[in-house]
């Protein structure tokens, strides 16, 4: 912050505080000298005795005038200090600017190598992942770290609340809370968060079952977390916050599900009620495995 009295952009002699200090000292010296003169009988004497008497008589106002030199020197030193601080600030700002664009450039190069990151605006993602990078702080957004840690608990919750009746639905409020969490994380890489939201209403009579909703939710969650953590891995200090989601094998096709690319519809390929139950058991086993990953 620039000093109020010592503007580093001004020359020393243009500082109001310098002339104020000089004028105040001169006024004090003149006033005290006038008071001494009016109360002391003096005669003109240009001999050595007269000069010695003058110095002895006006010792106080002369002492005040003598203070001008050290005070001005002190003000000059402080002004130089402010100028040095300003030069350091400007240099630091320039370095931050250069480092920021170098960091952004390397981040884009790194991110472009990932085939899963197609279509992402990397400049936007960089700004969201490293919100304080322009000021020299290249730590990942702490809010994102918190969200990833929260998302890591999803398999735990889904497993613990798995219904005995496989035809039951996932609670609407709980489902909405997970979707909202997905949106909050997705916004770090894309403004259009709907691209990372699960679709479950195209699965016929199974659309409203715990298995379908949980599975599609988990599928999108894993996809998003893997992508986010891939981008975050650009930071050497980053450690995965969602290992249970990103390190465990999980594919929708493992649960008897197929996708018709031509019609863009998702359908279940269950041959019988038994296969549906088996899919539920397989899914619960996957959730249990995810729970076991620290």
C-alpha atoms as a PDB file:
ATOM      1  CA  UNK A   1       0.000   0.000   0.000  1.00  0.00           C
ATOM      2  CA  UNK A   2       1.349   3.438  -0.944  1.00  0.00           C
ATOM      3  CA  UNK A   3       2.213   5.697   2.013  1.00  0.00           C
ATOM      4  CA  UNK A   4      -0.121   8.641   2.544  1.00  0.00           C
ATOM      5  CA  UNK A   5       2.714  11.146   3.137  1.00  0.00           C
ATOM      6  CA  UNK A   6       5.545   9.604   1.129  1.00  0.00           C
ATOM      7  CA  UNK A   7       4.243   9.087  -2.391  1.00  0.00           C
ATOM      8  CA  UNK A   8       7.011   7.068  -4.118  1.00  0.00           C
ATOM      9  CA  UNK A   9       6.017   8.426  -7.515  1.00  0.00           C
ATOM     10  CA  UNK A  10       6.917  12.002  -6.461  1.00  0.00           C
ATOM     11  CA  UNK A  11      10.394  13.466  -6.041  1.00  0.00           C
ATOM     12  CA  UNK A  12      11.529  14.181  -2.496  1.00  0.00           C
ATOM     13  CA  UNK A  13      11.355  17.977  -2.832  1.00  0.00           C
ATOM     14  CA  UNK A  14       7.780  17.760  -4.088  1.00  0.00           C
ATOM     15  CA  UNK A  15       6.537  16.052  -0.940  1.00  0.00           C
ATOM     16  CA  UNK A  16       4.289  18.364   1.147  1.00  0.00           C
ATOM     17  CA  UNK A  17       5.548  16.821   4.398  1.00  0.00           C
ATOM     18  CA  UNK A  18       9.112  17.931   3.665  1.00  0.00           C
ATOM     19  CA  UNK A  19       8.218  21.603   3.216  1.00  0.00           C
ATOM     20  CA  UNK A  20       5.752  21.451   6.083  1.00  0.00           C
ATOM     21  CA  UNK A  21       8.472  20.222   8.447  1.00  0.00           C
ATOM     22  CA  UNK A  22      10.929  22.918   7.261  1.00  0.00           C
ATOM     23  CA  UNK A  23       8.367  25.737   7.503  1.00  0.00           C
ATOM     24  CA  UNK A  24       7.213  24.656  10.993  1.00  0.00           C
ATOM     25  CA  UNK A  25      10.804  24.560  12.301  1.00  0.00           C
ATOM     26  CA  UNK A  26      11.592  27.963  10.805  1.00  0.00           C
ATOM     27  CA  UNK A  27       8.431  29.456  12.304  1.00  0.00           C
ATOM     28  CA  UNK A  28       9.316  28.029  15.738  1.00  0.00           C
ATOM     29  CA  UNK A  29      12.856  29.408  15.433  1.00  0.00           C
ATOM     30  CA  UNK A  30      11.628  32.884  14.370  1.00  0.00           C
ATOM     31  CA  UNK A  31       8.951  33.067  17.065  1.00  0.00           C
ATOM     32  CA  UNK A  32      11.322  31.933  19.820  1.00  0.00           C
ATOM     33  CA  UNK A  33      13.971  34.356  18.530  1.00  0.00           C
ATOM     34  CA  UNK A  34      11.469  37.211  18.549  1.00  0.00           C
ATOM     35  CA  UNK A  35      10.434  36.414  22.119  1.00  0.00           C
ATOM     36  CA  UNK A  36      14.060  36.312  23.239  1.00  0.00           C
ATOM     37  CA  UNK A  37      14.796  39.614  21.496  1.00  0.00           C
ATOM     38  CA  UNK A  38      11.831  41.373  23.108  1.00  0.00           C
ATOM     39  CA  UNK A  39      12.823  40.268  26.611  1.00  0.00           C
ATOM     40  CA  UNK A  40      16.610  40.700  26.384  1.00  0.00           C
ATOM     41  CA  UNK A  41      18.532  44.067  26.311  1.00  0.00           C
ATOM     42  CA  UNK A  42      20.767  43.810  23.267  1.00  0.00           C
ATOM     43  CA  UNK A  43      23.217  46.209  21.613  1.00  0.00           C
ATOM     44  CA  UNK A  44      25.025  45.983  18.289  1.00  0.00           C
ATOM     45  CA  UNK A  45      28.517  44.579  18.766  1.00  0.00           C
ATOM     46  CA  UNK A  46      30.412  43.205  15.774  1.00  0.00           C
ATOM     47  CA  UNK A  47      33.376  42.074  17.770  1.00  0.00           C
ATOM     48  CA  UNK A  48      34.082  38.475  18.682  1.00  0.00           C
ATOM     49  CA  UNK A  49      32.368  39.025  22.015  1.00  0.00           C
ATOM     50  CA  UNK A  50      29.225  40.174  20.200  1.00  0.00           C
ATOM     51  CA  UNK A  51      29.070  37.077  17.999  1.00  0.00           C
ATOM     52  CA  UNK A  52      29.683  34.806  20.976  1.00  0.00           C
ATOM     53  CA  UNK A  53      26.912  36.589  22.889  1.00  0.00           C
ATOM     54  CA  UNK A  54      24.576  36.208  19.900  1.00  0.00           C
ATOM     55  CA  UNK A  55      25.178  32.461  19.758  1.00  0.00           C
ATOM     56  CA  UNK A  56      24.772  32.138  23.504  1.00  0.00           C
ATOM     57  CA  UNK A  57      21.596  34.257  23.590  1.00  0.00           C
ATOM     58  CA  UNK A  58      19.894  32.638  20.586  1.00  0.00           C
ATOM     59  CA  UNK A  59      21.001  29.085  21.368  1.00  0.00           C
ATOM     60  CA  UNK A  60      17.415  27.787  21.505  1.00  0.00           C
ATOM     61  CA  UNK A  61      16.137  29.080  18.116  1.00  0.00           C
ATOM     62  CA  UNK A  62      19.463  28.121  16.517  1.00  0.00           C
ATOM     63  CA  UNK A  63      19.035  24.625  17.959  1.00  0.00           C
ATOM     64  CA  UNK A  64      15.585  24.442  16.365  1.00  0.00           C
ATOM     65  CA  UNK A  65      17.039  25.454  13.001  1.00  0.00           C
ATOM     66  CA  UNK A  66      19.758  22.830  13.416  1.00  0.00           C
ATOM     67  CA  UNK A  67      17.029  20.195  13.630  1.00  0.00           C
ATOM     68  CA  UNK A  68      16.100  20.893  10.001  1.00  0.00           C
ATOM     69  CA  UNK A  69      19.061  18.905   8.663  1.00  0.00           C
ATOM     70  CA  UNK A  70      18.527  15.598  10.562  1.00  0.00           C
ATOM     71  CA  UNK A  71      14.753  15.742  10.171  1.00  0.00           C
ATOM     72  CA  UNK A  72      15.018  16.313   6.413  1.00  0.00           C
ATOM     73  CA  UNK A  73      17.587  13.504   6.232  1.00  0.00           C
ATOM     74  CA  UNK A  74      15.195  11.217   8.139  1.00  0.00           C
ATOM     75  CA  UNK A  75      12.350  12.112   5.795  1.00  0.00           C
ATOM     76  CA  UNK A  76      14.594  11.482   2.774  1.00  0.00           C
ATOM     77  CA  UNK A  77      15.559   8.041   4.107  1.00  0.00           C
ATOM     78  CA  UNK A  78      11.914   7.130   4.653  1.00  0.00           C
ATOM     79  CA  UNK A  79      11.036   8.331   1.146  1.00  0.00           C
ATOM     80  CA  UNK A  80      13.782   6.158  -0.336  1.00  0.00           C
ATOM     81  CA  UNK A  81      12.420   3.233   1.650  1.00  0.00           C
ATOM     82  CA  UNK A  82       8.945   3.795   0.201  1.00  0.00           C
ATOM     83  CA  UNK A  83      10.384   4.013  -3.301  1.00  0.00           C
ATOM     84  CA  UNK A  84      12.252   0.743  -2.769  1.00  0.00           C
ATOM     85  CA  UNK A  85       9.077  -0.936  -1.505  1.00  0.00           C
ATOM     86  CA  UNK A  86       7.195   0.314  -4.564  1.00  0.00           C
ATOM     87  CA  UNK A  87       9.916  -0.972  -6.897  1.00  0.00           C
ATOM     88  CA  UNK A  88       9.772  -4.376  -5.200  1.00  0.00           C
ATOM     89  CA  UNK A  89       5.975  -4.385  -5.518  1.00  0.00           C
ATOM     90  CA  UNK A  90       6.111  -3.511  -9.224  1.00  0.00           C
ATOM     91  CA  UNK A  91       8.790  -6.128  -9.868  1.00  0.00           C
ATOM     92  CA  UNK A  92       6.781  -8.715  -7.955  1.00  0.00           C
ATOM     93  CA  UNK A  93       3.660  -7.795  -9.884  1.00  0.00           C
ATOM     94  CA  UNK A  94       5.480  -8.160 -13.187  1.00  0.00           C
ATOM     95  CA  UNK A  95       6.890 -11.521 -12.112  1.00  0.00           C
ATOM     96  CA  UNK A  96       3.428 -12.688 -11.029  1.00  0.00           C
ATOM     97  CA  UNK A  97       2.049 -11.613 -14.383  1.00  0.00           C
ATOM     98  CA  UNK A  98       4.734 -13.511 -16.292  1.00  0.00           C
ATOM     99  CA  UNK A  99       4.493 -16.565 -14.031  1.00  0.00           C
ATOM    100  CA  UNK A 100       0.714 -16.590 -14.311  1.00  0.00           C
ATOM    101  CA  UNK A 101       0.729 -16.770 -18.100  1.00  0.00           C
ATOM    102  CA  UNK A 102       3.513 -19.355 -18.046  1.00  0.00           C
ATOM    103  CA  UNK A 103       1.488 -21.432 -15.591  1.00  0.00           C
ATOM    104  CA  UNK A 104      -1.623 -21.056 -17.763  1.00  0.00           C
ATOM    105  CA  UNK A 105       0.317 -21.995 -20.910  1.00  0.00           C
ATOM    106  CA  UNK A 106       1.775 -25.132 -19.314  1.00  0.00           C
ATOM    107  CA  UNK A 107      -1.605 -26.061 -17.822  1.00  0.00           C
ATOM    108  CA  UNK A 108      -3.243 -25.905 -21.251  1.00  0.00           C
ATOM    109  CA  UNK A 109      -0.464 -28.006 -22.801  1.00  0.00           C
ATOM    110  CA  UNK A 110      -0.769 -30.570 -20.017  1.00  0.00           C
ATOM    111  CA  UNK A 111      -4.574 -30.714 -20.162  1.00  0.00           C
ATOM    112  CA  UNK A 112      -4.718 -31.047 -23.947  1.00  0.00           C
ATOM    113  CA  UNK A 113      -2.879 -34.377 -23.665  1.00  0.00           C
ATOM    114  CA  UNK A 114      -5.906 -35.914 -21.949  1.00  0.00           C
ATOM    115  CA  UNK A 115      -8.358 -37.426 -24.429  1.00  0.00           C
ATOM    116  CA  UNK A 116     -11.120 -37.148 -21.814  1.00  0.00           C
ATOM    117  CA  UNK A 117     -10.769 -33.374 -21.669  1.00  0.00           C
ATOM    118  CA  UNK A 118     -12.032 -32.644 -25.172  1.00  0.00           C
ATOM    119  CA  UNK A 119     -14.319 -29.644 -25.493  1.00  0.00           C
ATOM    120  CA  UNK A 120     -13.182 -28.042 -22.228  1.00  0.00           C
ATOM    121  CA  UNK A 121     -12.260 -24.375 -22.137  1.00  0.00           C
ATOM    122  CA  UNK A 122      -8.924 -24.772 -20.374  1.00  0.00           C
ATOM    123  CA  UNK A 123      -8.532 -21.056 -19.666  1.00  0.00           C
ATOM    124  CA  UNK A 124     -11.880 -21.109 -17.888  1.00  0.00           C
ATOM    125  CA  UNK A 125     -10.930 -24.291 -15.998  1.00  0.00           C
ATOM    126  CA  UNK A 126      -7.582 -22.781 -14.997  1.00  0.00           C
ATOM    127  CA  UNK A 127      -9.277 -19.697 -13.588  1.00  0.00           C
ATOM    128  CA  UNK A 128     -11.672 -21.841 -11.568  1.00  0.00           C
ATOM    129  CA  UNK A 129      -9.103 -24.387 -10.357  1.00  0.00           C
ATOM    130  CA  UNK A 130      -6.483 -21.757  -9.465  1.00  0.00           C
ATOM    131  CA  UNK A 131      -8.556 -18.699  -8.441  1.00  0.00           C
ATOM    132  CA  UNK A 132      -5.606 -16.822  -6.869  1.00  0.00           C
ATOM    133  CA  UNK A 133      -2.991 -17.604  -9.513  1.00  0.00           C
ATOM    134  CA  UNK A 134      -2.788 -14.009 -10.770  1.00  0.00           C
ATOM    135  CA  UNK A 135      -1.515 -12.959  -7.345  1.00  0.00           C
ATOM    136  CA  UNK A 136       1.095 -15.729  -7.278  1.00  0.00           C
ATOM    137  CA  UNK A 137      -0.867 -18.350  -5.330  1.00  0.00           C
ATOM    138  CA  UNK A 138      -1.023 -21.567  -7.384  1.00  0.00           C
ATOM    139  CA  UNK A 139      -2.823 -23.722  -4.853  1.00  0.00           C
ATOM    140  CA  UNK A 140      -5.993 -25.463  -6.010  1.00  0.00           C
ATOM    141  CA  UNK A 141      -9.273 -23.916  -4.912  1.00  0.00           C
ATOM    142  CA  UNK A 142      -9.930 -25.176  -1.345  1.00  0.00           C
ATOM    143  CA  UNK A 143     -13.679 -25.256  -2.011  1.00  0.00           C
ATOM    144  CA  UNK A 144     -13.119 -27.775  -4.814  1.00  0.00           C
ATOM    145  CA  UNK A 145     -10.973 -29.911  -2.519  1.00  0.00           C
ATOM    146  CA  UNK A 146     -13.792 -29.895   0.025  1.00  0.00           C
ATOM    147  CA  UNK A 147     -16.354 -30.879  -2.633  1.00  0.00           C
ATOM    148  CA  UNK A 148     -14.199 -33.782  -3.853  1.00  0.00           C
ATOM    149  CA  UNK A 149     -13.781 -35.043  -0.294  1.00  0.00           C
ATOM    150  CA  UNK A 150     -17.533 -34.800   0.156  1.00  0.00           C
ATOM    151  CA  UNK A 151     -18.147 -36.621  -3.121  1.00  0.00           C
ATOM    152  CA  UNK A 152     -15.806 -39.416  -1.984  1.00  0.00           C
ATOM    153  CA  UNK A 153     -18.417 -40.339   0.630  1.00  0.00           C
ATOM    154  CA  UNK A 154     -21.130 -41.025  -1.954  1.00  0.00           C
ATOM    155  CA  UNK A 155     -20.470 -44.810  -2.280  1.00  0.00           C
ATOM    156  CA  UNK A 156     -20.606 -45.084   1.525  1.00  0.00           C
ATOM    157  CA  UNK A 157     -24.011 -43.414   1.674  1.00  0.00           C
ATOM    158  CA  UNK A 158     -25.407 -45.341  -1.273  1.00  0.00           C
ATOM    159  CA  UNK A 159     -24.267 -48.651   0.168  1.00  0.00           C
ATOM    160  CA  UNK A 160     -25.467 -47.957   3.728  1.00  0.00           C
ATOM    161  CA  UNK A 161     -28.915 -46.901   2.497  1.00  0.00           C
ATOM    162  CA  UNK A 162     -29.356 -49.668  -0.060  1.00  0.00           C
ATOM    163  CA  UNK A 163     -32.966 -50.927   0.342  1.00  0.00           C
ATOM    164  CA  UNK A 164     -33.857 -54.549   0.942  1.00  0.00           C
ATOM    165  CA  UNK A 165     -36.553 -54.204  -1.683  1.00  0.00           C
ATOM    166  CA  UNK A 166     -34.650 -53.645  -4.941  1.00  0.00           C
ATOM    167  CA  UNK A 167     -37.743 -52.104  -6.554  1.00  0.00           C
ATOM    168  CA  UNK A 168     -37.649 -49.141  -4.186  1.00  0.00           C
ATOM    169  CA  UNK A 169     -36.606 -45.712  -5.425  1.00  0.00           C
ATOM    170  CA  UNK A 170     -33.759 -43.494  -4.261  1.00  0.00           C
ATOM    171  CA  UNK A 171     -35.094 -40.744  -1.981  1.00  0.00           C
ATOM    172  CA  UNK A 172     -35.810 -37.641  -4.048  1.00  0.00           C
ATOM    173  CA  UNK A 173     -34.207 -35.176  -1.623  1.00  0.00           C
ATOM    174  CA  UNK A 174     -31.072 -37.265  -1.395  1.00  0.00           C
ATOM    175  CA  UNK A 175     -30.929 -37.646  -5.170  1.00  0.00           C
ATOM    176  CA  UNK A 176     -31.290 -33.877  -5.640  1.00  0.00           C
ATOM    177  CA  UNK A 177     -28.532 -33.207  -3.115  1.00  0.00           C
ATOM    178  CA  UNK A 178     -26.159 -35.460  -5.076  1.00  0.00           C
ATOM    179  CA  UNK A 179     -27.121 -33.785  -8.352  1.00  0.00           C
ATOM    180  CA  UNK A 180     -26.488 -30.378  -6.789  1.00  0.00           C
ATOM    181  CA  UNK A 181     -23.088 -31.569  -5.631  1.00  0.00           C
ATOM    182  CA  UNK A 182     -22.331 -32.726  -9.173  1.00  0.00           C
ATOM    183  CA  UNK A 183     -23.279 -29.292 -10.503  1.00  0.00           C
ATOM    184  CA  UNK A 184     -21.074 -27.544  -7.950  1.00  0.00           C
ATOM    185  CA  UNK A 185     -18.081 -29.604  -9.042  1.00  0.00           C
ATOM    186  CA  UNK A 186     -18.843 -29.515 -12.770  1.00  0.00           C
ATOM    187  CA  UNK A 187     -18.856 -25.711 -12.785  1.00  0.00           C
ATOM    188  CA  UNK A 188     -15.085 -25.817 -12.203  1.00  0.00           C
ATOM    189  CA  UNK A 189     -14.504 -27.083 -15.735  1.00  0.00           C
ATOM    190  CA  UNK A 190     -17.612 -26.079 -17.668  1.00  0.00           C
ATOM    191  CA  UNK A 191     -20.298 -23.420 -17.366  1.00  0.00           C
ATOM    192  CA  UNK A 192     -22.754 -25.862 -18.940  1.00  0.00           C
ATOM    193  CA  UNK A 193     -23.009 -28.222 -15.990  1.00  0.00           C
ATOM    194  CA  UNK A 194     -25.915 -30.175 -17.512  1.00  0.00           C
ATOM    195  CA  UNK A 195     -23.379 -32.145 -19.562  1.00  0.00           C
ATOM    196  CA  UNK A 196     -22.324 -33.952 -16.412  1.00  0.00           C
ATOM    197  CA  UNK A 197     -25.766 -34.702 -14.987  1.00  0.00           C
ATOM    198  CA  UNK A 198     -27.114 -38.272 -14.903  1.00  0.00           C
ATOM    199  CA  UNK A 199     -29.985 -39.484 -17.079  1.00  0.00           C
ATOM    200  CA  UNK A 200     -32.158 -42.232 -15.708  1.00  0.00           C
ATOM    201  CA  UNK A 201     -35.626 -41.625 -17.180  1.00  0.00           C
ATOM    202  CA  UNK A 202     -34.932 -43.628 -20.344  1.00  0.00           C
ATOM    203  CA  UNK A 203     -34.692 -47.014 -18.673  1.00  0.00           C
ATOM    204  CA  UNK A 204     -38.291 -48.093 -18.944  1.00  0.00           C
ATOM    205  CA  UNK A 205     -39.853 -49.671 -15.888  1.00  0.00           C
ATOM    206  CA  UNK A 206     -36.494 -49.663 -14.088  1.00  0.00           C
ATOM    207  CA  UNK A 207     -36.010 -45.876 -14.334  1.00  0.00           C
ATOM    208  CA  UNK A 208     -37.214 -45.221 -10.809  1.00  0.00           C
ATOM    209  CA  UNK A 209     -35.325 -47.968  -9.010  1.00  0.00           C
ATOM    210  CA  UNK A 210     -32.533 -47.467  -6.509  1.00  0.00           C
ATOM    211  CA  UNK A 211     -30.152 -49.364  -8.800  1.00  0.00           C
ATOM    212  CA  UNK A 212     -30.720 -47.211 -11.887  1.00  0.00           C
ATOM    213  CA  UNK A 213     -30.649 -43.845 -10.188  1.00  0.00           C
ATOM    214  CA  UNK A 214     -27.655 -44.708  -8.003  1.00  0.00           C
ATOM    215  CA  UNK A 215     -25.740 -46.326 -10.843  1.00  0.00           C
ATOM    216  CA  UNK A 216     -26.241 -43.460 -13.293  1.00  0.00           C
ATOM    217  CA  UNK A 217     -25.430 -40.978 -10.553  1.00  0.00           C
ATOM    218  CA  UNK A 218     -22.249 -42.840  -9.669  1.00  0.00           C
ATOM    219  CA  UNK A 219     -21.305 -43.241 -13.314  1.00  0.00           C
ATOM    220  CA  UNK A 220     -21.424 -39.473 -13.912  1.00  0.00           C
ATOM    221  CA  UNK A 221     -19.723 -38.802 -10.585  1.00  0.00           C
ATOM    222  CA  UNK A 222     -16.790 -41.063 -11.441  1.00  0.00           C
ATOM    223  CA  UNK A 223     -16.501 -39.566 -14.915  1.00  0.00           C
ATOM    224  CA  UNK A 224     -16.459 -36.047 -13.525  1.00  0.00           C
ATOM    225  CA  UNK A 225     -14.108 -36.765 -10.616  1.00  0.00           C
ATOM    226  CA  UNK A 226     -11.608 -38.504 -12.897  1.00  0.00           C
ATOM    227  CA  UNK A 227     -11.616 -35.548 -15.257  1.00  0.00           C
ATOM    228  CA  UNK A 228     -11.326 -32.980 -12.455  1.00  0.00           C
ATOM    229  CA  UNK A 229      -8.487 -34.851 -10.775  1.00  0.00           C
ATOM    230  CA  UNK A 230      -6.693 -35.301 -14.094  1.00  0.00           C
ATOM    231  CA  UNK A 231      -6.635 -31.518 -14.493  1.00  0.00           C
ATOM    232  CA  UNK A 232      -5.728 -31.006 -10.837  1.00  0.00           C
ATOM    233  CA  UNK A 233      -2.796 -33.411 -11.234  1.00  0.00           C
ATOM    234  CA  UNK A 234      -0.989 -30.626 -13.090  1.00  0.00           C
ATOM    235  CA  UNK A 235      -0.193 -29.341  -9.608  1.00  0.00           C
ATOM    236  CA  UNK A 236       2.691 -31.378  -8.176  1.00  0.00           C
ATOM    237  CA  UNK A 237       1.283 -30.983  -4.657  1.00  0.00           C
ATOM    238  CA  UNK A 238      -2.144 -32.371  -5.501  1.00  0.00           C
ATOM    239  CA  UNK A 239      -3.200 -35.646  -3.936  1.00  0.00           C
ATOM    240  CA  UNK A 240      -6.355 -37.451  -5.004  1.00  0.00           C
ATOM    241  CA  UNK A 241      -9.303 -36.664  -2.768  1.00  0.00           C
ATOM    242  CA  UNK A 242     -11.646 -39.231  -4.315  1.00  0.00           C
ATOM    243  CA  UNK A 243      -9.601 -42.419  -4.665  1.00  0.00           C
ATOM    244  CA  UNK A 244     -12.654 -44.552  -3.972  1.00  0.00           C
ATOM    245  CA  UNK A 245     -14.236 -43.145  -7.112  1.00  0.00           C
ATOM    246  CA  UNK A 246     -11.251 -42.802  -9.419  1.00  0.00           C
ATOM    247  CA  UNK A 247      -9.210 -45.945  -8.757  1.00  0.00           C
ATOM    248  CA  UNK A 248     -11.917 -48.620  -8.692  1.00  0.00           C
ATOM    249  CA  UNK A 249     -13.077 -50.244 -11.941  1.00  0.00           C
ATOM    250  CA  UNK A 250     -16.670 -49.268 -12.675  1.00  0.00           C
ATOM    251  CA  UNK A 251     -18.552 -49.583 -15.965  1.00  0.00           C
ATOM    252  CA  UNK A 252     -22.277 -49.347 -16.538  1.00  0.00           C
ATOM    253  CA  UNK A 253     -22.077 -52.240 -18.980  1.00  0.00           C
ATOM    254  CA  UNK A 254     -21.038 -54.521 -16.125  1.00  0.00           C
ATOM    255  CA  UNK A 255     -24.550 -54.349 -14.735  1.00  0.00           C
ATOM    256  CA  UNK A 256     -26.456 -55.758 -17.703  1.00  0.00           C
ATOM    257  CA  UNK A 257     -26.951 -52.356 -19.322  1.00  0.00           C
ATOM    258  CA  UNK A 258     -26.541 -51.555 -22.975  1.00  0.00           C
ATOM    259  CA  UNK A 259     -26.706 -48.271 -24.835  1.00  0.00           C
ATOM    260  CA  UNK A 260     -28.331 -47.868 -28.219  1.00  0.00           C
ATOM    261  CA  UNK A 261     -26.185 -45.217 -29.887  1.00  0.00           C
ATOM    262  CA  UNK A 262     -28.478 -44.897 -32.890  1.00  0.00           C
ATOM    263  CA  UNK A 263     -31.593 -43.997 -30.928  1.00  0.00           C
ATOM    264  CA  UNK A 264     -29.661 -42.309 -28.131  1.00  0.00           C
ATOM    265  CA  UNK A 265     -31.731 -44.284 -25.625  1.00  0.00           C
ATOM    266  CA  UNK A 266     -30.566 -46.267 -22.655  1.00  0.00           C
ATOM    267  CA  UNK A 267     -32.284 -49.591 -22.022  1.00  0.00           C
ATOM    268  CA  UNK A 268     -31.905 -52.432 -19.574  1.00  0.00           C
ATOM    269  CA  UNK A 269     -31.019 -55.798 -21.016  1.00  0.00           C
ATOM    270  CA  UNK A 270     -32.461 -57.877 -18.157  1.00  0.00           C
ATOM    271  CA  UNK A 271     -33.810 -61.230 -19.281  1.00  0.00           C
ATOM    272  CA  UNK A 272     -35.636 -61.916 -16.034  1.00  0.00           C
ATOM    273  CA  UNK A 273     -36.352 -60.681 -12.519  1.00  0.00           C
ATOM    274  CA  UNK A 274     -33.461 -62.801 -11.375  1.00  0.00           C
ATOM    275  CA  UNK A 275     -30.968 -60.900 -13.589  1.00  0.00           C
ATOM    276  CA  UNK A 276     -32.222 -57.626 -12.114  1.00  0.00           C
ATOM    277  CA  UNK A 277     -31.576 -58.938  -8.611  1.00  0.00           C
ATOM    278  CA  UNK A 278     -28.157 -60.126  -9.723  1.00  0.00           C
ATOM    279  CA  UNK A 279     -27.386 -56.678 -11.096  1.00  0.00           C
ATOM    280  CA  UNK A 280     -28.320 -55.177  -7.730  1.00  0.00           C
ATOM    281  CA  UNK A 281     -25.997 -57.570  -5.926  1.00  0.00           C
ATOM    282  CA  UNK A 282     -23.178 -56.791  -8.338  1.00  0.00           C
ATOM    283  CA  UNK A 283     -23.717 -53.066  -7.844  1.00  0.00           C
ATOM    284  CA  UNK A 284     -23.731 -53.419  -4.049  1.00  0.00           C
ATOM    285  CA  UNK A 285     -20.469 -55.324  -4.301  1.00  0.00           C
ATOM    286  CA  UNK A 286     -18.944 -52.454  -6.286  1.00  0.00           C
ATOM    287  CA  UNK A 287     -20.118 -49.949  -3.670  1.00  0.00           C
ATOM    288  CA  UNK A 288     -18.577 -52.095  -0.943  1.00  0.00           C
ATOM    289  CA  UNK A 289     -15.279 -52.127  -2.841  1.00  0.00           C
ATOM    290  CA  UNK A 290     -15.337 -48.352  -3.184  1.00  0.00           C
ATOM    291  CA  UNK A 291     -15.979 -48.019   0.530  1.00  0.00           C
ATOM    292  CA  UNK A 292     -12.816 -49.978   1.232  1.00  0.00           C
ATOM    293  CA  UNK A 293     -10.579 -47.515  -0.637  1.00  0.00           C
ATOM    294  CA  UNK A 294      -9.202 -44.849   1.662  1.00  0.00           C
END
